[in-house]
Amino acid sequence: MTAPHDPLRLCVYATVAALTWIAGPVAVAAFAVLAFAGYLRAHRQGLRRSACVLRDVRLVLAYLAVLAAAGAAGAIIRWT
């Protein structure tokens, strides 16, 4: 008998969503910057197609840059 599928990614997504909800736009910006750095490094090492829905790494990088900017803008607006 095979073991049942462990939906670990769903737990990870829920945890990231909870942290984002608690920390607000700062968390959005931080996760986006972290992901951007990871994808940029992978792109420089030759990754051209991602498992991300956007597929093209350049599109993923653009999406993450916009997300980081939106998070930073949200943080500035929230605390001014």
Protein backbone atom coordinates (compact mmCIF):
# COMPACT_ATOMS: atom_id res chain seq x y z
CA MET A 1 0.00 0.00 0.00
CA THR A 2 1.36 3.43 -0.94
CA ALA A 3 1.46 6.30 1.48
CA PRO A 4 -1.10 9.07 0.94
CA HIS A 5 0.05 12.28 -0.76
CA ASP A 6 1.34 14.86 1.71
CA PRO A 7 0.17 18.32 0.60
CA LEU A 8 3.14 20.05 2.28
CA ARG A 9 3.06 22.94 -0.19
CA LEU A 10 -0.43 23.88 1.00
CA CYS A 11 0.86 24.13 4.57
CA VAL A 12 3.75 26.28 3.38
CA TYR A 13 1.37 28.54 1.43
CA ALA A 14 -0.89 28.91 4.47
CA THR A 15 2.08 29.80 6.67
CA VAL A 16 3.33 32.41 4.20
CA ALA A 17 -0.19 33.86 3.94
CA ALA A 18 -0.45 34.05 7.73
CA LEU A 19 2.90 35.81 8.03
CA THR A 20 1.89 38.21 5.29
CA TRP A 21 -1.42 38.92 7.00
CA ILE A 22 0.32 39.59 10.33
CA ALA A 23 3.24 41.63 8.99
CA GLY A 24 1.33 43.27 6.12
CA PRO A 25 3.05 44.94 3.20
CA VAL A 26 6.51 44.61 4.74
CA ALA A 27 6.19 40.82 4.53
CA VAL A 28 4.96 41.04 0.93
CA ALA A 29 7.98 43.16 -0.01
CA ALA A 30 10.39 40.91 1.92
CA PHE A 31 9.12 37.67 0.37
CA ALA A 32 9.10 39.24 -3.08
CA VAL A 33 12.69 40.48 -2.72
CA LEU A 34 13.79 37.07 -1.44
CA ALA A 35 12.08 35.30 -4.34
CA PHE A 36 13.47 37.83 -6.83
CA ALA A 37 17.01 37.20 -5.59
CA GLY A 38 16.52 33.44 -5.89
CA TYR A 39 15.08 33.64 -9.41
CA LEU A 40 17.74 36.10 -10.53
CA ARG A 41 20.47 33.77 -9.34
CA ALA A 42 18.82 30.80 -11.06
CA HIS A 43 18.39 32.84 -14.26
CA ARG A 44 22.07 33.75 -14.24
CA GLN A 45 22.88 30.05 -13.86
CA GLY A 46 20.84 29.20 -16.94
CA LEU A 47 17.23 28.66 -15.81
CA ARG A 48 14.92 29.85 -18.57
CA ARG A 49 11.64 28.07 -17.75
CA SER A 50 10.10 27.93 -14.30
CA ALA A 51 7.48 25.71 -12.71
CA CYS A 52 5.72 28.97 -11.83
CA VAL A 53 2.47 29.66 -13.70
CA LEU A 54 4.19 32.43 -15.67
CA ARG A 55 6.78 29.91 -16.99
CA ASP A 56 9.27 32.41 -18.46
CA VAL A 57 11.77 33.41 -15.76
CA ARG A 58 11.88 36.98 -17.07
CA LEU A 59 8.12 37.30 -16.52
CA VAL A 60 8.51 35.86 -13.03
CA LEU A 61 11.24 38.42 -12.28
CA ALA A 62 9.04 41.26 -13.56
CA TYR A 63 6.09 40.02 -11.48
CA LEU A 64 8.24 39.80 -8.34
CA ALA A 65 9.69 43.28 -8.93
CA VAL A 66 6.17 44.73 -9.20
CA LEU A 67 5.12 42.83 -6.08
CA ALA A 68 8.15 44.13 -4.14
CA ALA A 69 7.43 47.70 -5.24
CA ALA A 70 3.76 47.36 -4.29
CA GLY A 71 4.71 45.98 -0.88
CA ALA A 72 7.17 48.80 -0.29
CA ALA A 73 4.60 51.40 -1.37
CA GLY A 74 2.00 49.78 0.87
CA ALA A 75 4.38 49.88 3.82
CA ILE A 76 5.16 53.56 3.23
CA ILE A 77 1.46 54.43 2.95
CA ARG A 78 0.59 52.35 6.02
CA TRP A 79 3.10 54.10 8.27
CA THR A 80 2.78 57.68 7.05
